[in-house]
Amino acid sequence: MNSTCKVLIALIVGMFILAGCQERDDSIINPTDESVTKATSKHFNTVIAEVVNNKVVFSRDISDIMHIWEGAVNKSPSLKLVYWNYSIEMDDDKYYLVGLDSINPAISKVCLILDNGKFYEELYPGSSVKLPPSGTSVTCSGCTSTGPGSIGECEPKGNELTGWYCSACSEGTCVKSVTEEGGGILSL
């Protein structure tokens, strides 16, 4: 396939993604790369998804997973999210389940661990008896310029070690919310 065809295909796929197409190609970038398949921290035991023939296959209905996630995040009185789009993405050698609510402009992330071809929610160790191990979701919301044409605005960045933050937005105020659940954000 020549480079012109590849560029055209990339542009067409990009237009569908920006238009909010509900069908997603959840292919994994180098899922067999040893540097990203080794578990680097503990995880919950519930399998969220697995890699089958280089594609992500969710272990249960994705709408159930998203509903559980919405329930955990919406315990905050400032958030009332409904995730319309989702994906598993890789950022800084870590995998994340990413949820997007385009009506209440917000993006949320839950860190996943890829262990032996299966994705699990990352478990964050508690710092004391009062803070037991938990699952964590980071949400960035409130940016009125979020949407097509504002890619990269008001998105969760960083990690549990360096600190989570939201990238800037050109209109509105981007606000970070962190949700922690003792049994995990995505657990039944």
Protein backbone atom coordinates (compact mmCIF):
# COMPACT_ATOMS: atom_id res chain seq x y z
CA MET A 1 0.00 0.00 0.00
CA ASN A 2 1.56 3.31 -0.98
CA SER A 3 1.98 6.23 1.43
CA THR A 4 -0.81 8.32 -0.17
CA CYS A 5 -3.35 5.57 0.53
CA LYS A 6 -2.11 5.27 4.12
CA VAL A 7 -2.49 9.02 4.67
CA LEU A 8 -6.01 9.01 3.21
CA ILE A 9 -7.03 6.08 5.38
CA ALA A 10 -5.61 7.80 8.47
CA LEU A 11 -7.54 10.99 7.65
CA ILE A 12 -10.81 9.14 7.12
CA VAL A 13 -10.42 7.19 10.37
CA GLY A 14 -9.54 10.41 12.20
CA MET A 15 -12.69 12.12 10.90
CA PHE A 16 -14.86 9.26 12.19
CA ILE A 17 -13.25 9.44 15.62
CA LEU A 18 -13.69 13.22 15.82
CA ALA A 19 -17.32 12.89 14.77
CA GLY A 20 -17.96 10.76 17.86
CA CYS A 21 -18.39 7.43 16.15
CA GLN A 22 -19.49 4.88 18.76
CA GLU A 23 -17.66 1.94 17.17
CA ARG A 24 -14.04 1.88 18.19
CA ASP A 25 -11.06 -0.10 17.07
CA ASP A 26 -9.58 -1.04 20.42
CA SER A 27 -6.34 -2.39 18.99
CA ILE A 28 -3.39 -2.35 21.31
CA ILE A 29 -0.07 -0.82 20.43
CA ASN A 30 2.57 -3.55 20.84
CA PRO A 31 0.63 -5.67 23.37
CA THR A 32 3.41 -8.24 23.32
CA ASP A 33 6.14 -5.70 24.05
CA GLU A 34 7.74 -7.10 27.21
CA SER A 35 8.27 -3.63 28.73
CA VAL A 36 4.53 -2.95 28.93
CA THR A 37 3.14 -6.42 29.62
CA LYS A 38 4.96 -6.96 32.90
CA ALA A 39 2.88 -5.89 35.88
CA THR A 40 4.74 -3.08 37.64
CA SER A 41 2.32 -2.75 40.55
CA LYS A 42 -0.52 -4.64 42.18
CA HIS A 43 -3.95 -4.87 40.64
CA PHE A 44 -7.45 -6.00 41.58
CA ASN A 45 -8.42 -9.55 40.59
CA THR A 46 -11.34 -8.66 38.30
CA VAL A 47 -10.43 -8.97 34.62
CA ILE A 48 -11.65 -5.87 32.77
CA ALA A 49 -10.53 -6.89 29.27
CA GLU A 50 -8.02 -9.10 27.52
CA VAL A 51 -5.97 -9.07 24.36
CA VAL A 52 -7.28 -11.58 21.82
CA ASN A 53 -5.71 -11.61 18.33
CA ASN A 54 -4.19 -8.17 18.99
CA LYS A 55 -7.61 -6.66 19.85
CA VAL A 56 -9.11 -5.65 23.18
CA VAL A 57 -12.08 -7.78 24.19
CA PHE A 58 -13.95 -6.65 27.31
CA SER A 59 -14.64 -9.39 29.85
CA ARG A 60 -18.24 -8.27 30.35
CA ASP A 61 -20.61 -5.86 28.65
CA ILE A 62 -18.84 -2.49 28.40
CA SER A 63 -22.08 -0.66 29.29
CA ASP A 64 -22.02 -2.48 32.67
CA ILE A 65 -18.41 -1.41 33.26
CA MET A 66 -19.21 2.19 32.33
CA HIS A 67 -22.34 2.23 34.53
CA ILE A 68 -20.31 1.02 37.54
CA TRP A 69 -17.67 3.68 36.82
CA GLU A 70 -20.31 6.43 36.51
CA GLY A 71 -21.82 5.36 39.86
CA ALA A 72 -18.47 5.71 41.61
CA VAL A 73 -17.58 9.06 40.01
CA ASN A 74 -21.04 10.58 40.42
CA LYS A 75 -20.89 10.21 44.21
CA SER A 76 -19.20 13.59 44.00
CA PRO A 77 -21.93 16.26 44.11
CA SER A 78 -20.10 18.29 41.45
CA LEU A 79 -20.16 15.52 38.83
CA LYS A 80 -23.09 14.01 36.94
CA LEU A 81 -21.39 12.15 34.12
CA VAL A 82 -22.61 9.69 31.52
CA TYR A 83 -19.75 8.21 29.51
CA TRP A 84 -20.70 8.22 25.82
CA ASN A 85 -17.34 7.12 24.45
CA TYR A 86 -14.64 4.89 25.86
CA SER A 87 -11.28 3.49 24.87
CA ILE A 88 -8.21 1.82 26.27
CA GLU A 89 -5.26 4.09 25.61
CA MET A 90 -1.57 4.01 26.35
CA ASP A 91 0.19 7.06 27.80
CA ASP A 92 3.74 7.10 29.22
CA ASP A 93 3.97 3.28 29.04
CA LYS A 94 0.78 2.83 31.10
CA TYR A 95 -2.67 1.75 29.98
CA TYR A 96 -5.85 3.62 30.88
CA LEU A 97 -9.54 3.07 30.45
CA VAL A 98 -10.69 6.48 29.25
CA GLY A 99 -14.31 7.63 29.48
CA LEU A 100 -15.63 10.72 27.69
CA ASP A 101 -18.83 12.60 28.49
CA SER A 102 -19.26 15.13 25.69
CA ILE A 103 -22.53 16.58 27.06
CA ASN A 104 -21.03 17.52 30.45
CA PRO A 105 -17.55 18.13 29.03
CA ALA A 106 -15.42 15.69 31.02
CA ILE A 107 -12.74 13.07 30.55
CA SER A 108 -11.98 10.40 33.15
CA LYS A 109 -9.18 7.85 33.41
CA VAL A 110 -8.66 4.66 35.39
CA CYS A 111 -5.20 3.11 35.26
CA LEU A 112 -5.07 -0.49 34.04
CA ILE A 113 -2.38 -3.12 34.41
CA LEU A 114 -1.73 -5.51 31.53
CA ASP A 115 -0.73 -8.81 33.12
CA ASN A 116 -0.41 -11.98 31.01
CA GLY A 117 -2.62 -10.57 28.26
CA LYS A 118 -5.38 -9.43 30.63
CA PHE A 119 -6.25 -5.93 31.81
CA TYR A 120 -6.93 -5.34 35.50
CA GLU A 121 -7.68 -2.13 37.40
CA GLU A 122 -4.58 -0.88 39.19
CA LEU A 123 -4.71 -1.10 42.98
CA TYR A 124 -3.29 1.87 44.84
CA PRO A 125 -1.87 0.87 48.23
CA GLY A 126 -3.30 2.76 51.19
CA SER A 127 -0.92 4.84 53.23
CA SER A 128 -2.40 3.77 56.58
CA VAL A 129 -5.09 1.64 58.20
CA LYS A 130 -7.52 4.53 57.63
CA LEU A 131 -6.68 4.54 53.92
CA PRO A 132 -6.97 0.95 52.64
CA PRO A 133 -5.94 -0.07 49.11
CA SER A 134 -8.28 1.45 46.55
CA GLY A 135 -9.03 2.03 42.90
CA THR A 136 -8.70 5.57 41.60
CA SER A 137 -10.40 7.52 38.82
CA VAL A 138 -9.24 10.98 37.79
CA THR A 139 -11.73 13.29 36.04
CA CYS A 140 -11.11 16.63 34.37
CA SER A 141 -14.25 18.66 33.66
CA GLY A 142 -15.69 22.13 33.18
CA CYS A 143 -13.75 23.26 30.14
CA THR A 144 -16.32 24.78 27.75
CA SER A 145 -13.95 24.45 24.79
CA THR A 146 -13.70 20.65 25.19
CA GLY A 147 -14.91 18.82 22.11
CA PRO A 148 -13.90 18.37 18.47
CA GLY A 149 -11.10 20.78 17.67
CA SER A 150 -9.89 20.96 21.27
CA ILE A 151 -8.00 17.69 21.45
CA GLY A 152 -5.61 17.62 24.38
CA GLU A 153 -7.52 20.17 26.44
CA CYS A 154 -8.72 19.44 29.98
CA GLU A 155 -7.43 15.85 30.05
CA PRO A 156 -6.05 13.94 33.04
CA LYS A 157 -2.25 13.82 32.93
CA GLY A 158 0.48 12.64 35.27
CA ASN A 159 0.18 9.65 37.57
CA GLU A 160 -0.08 8.59 41.21
CA LEU A 161 3.65 9.14 41.77
CA THR A 162 4.15 12.56 40.17
CA GLY A 163 0.65 13.82 40.90
CA TRP A 164 -2.43 14.03 38.69
CA TYR A 165 -3.30 17.28 36.95
CA CYS A 166 -5.56 18.48 34.16
CA SER A 167 -4.15 19.97 30.98
CA ALA A 168 -5.16 23.57 30.31
CA CYS A 169 -8.17 24.61 28.27
CA SER A 170 -8.70 27.68 26.12
CA GLU A 171 -12.27 28.41 27.35
CA GLY A 172 -13.65 27.85 30.82
CA THR A 173 -12.02 26.39 33.89
CA CYS A 174 -10.79 22.83 33.93
CA VAL A 175 -11.36 21.19 37.33
CA LYS A 176 -9.74 17.97 38.58
CA SER A 177 -11.73 15.46 40.65
CA VAL A 178 -10.26 12.28 42.11
CA THR A 179 -12.54 9.38 43.09
CA GLU A 180 -11.30 6.50 45.24
CA GLU A 181 -13.16 3.25 45.91
CA GLY A 182 -11.91 0.62 48.35
CA GLY A 183 -13.09 -2.29 46.20
CA GLY A 184 -12.00 -0.67 42.97
CA ILE A 185 -13.65 1.82 40.64
CA LEU A 186 -14.64 -0.82 38.08
CA SER A 187 -15.58 -3.68 40.45
CA LEU A 188 -19.05 -5.17 40.61
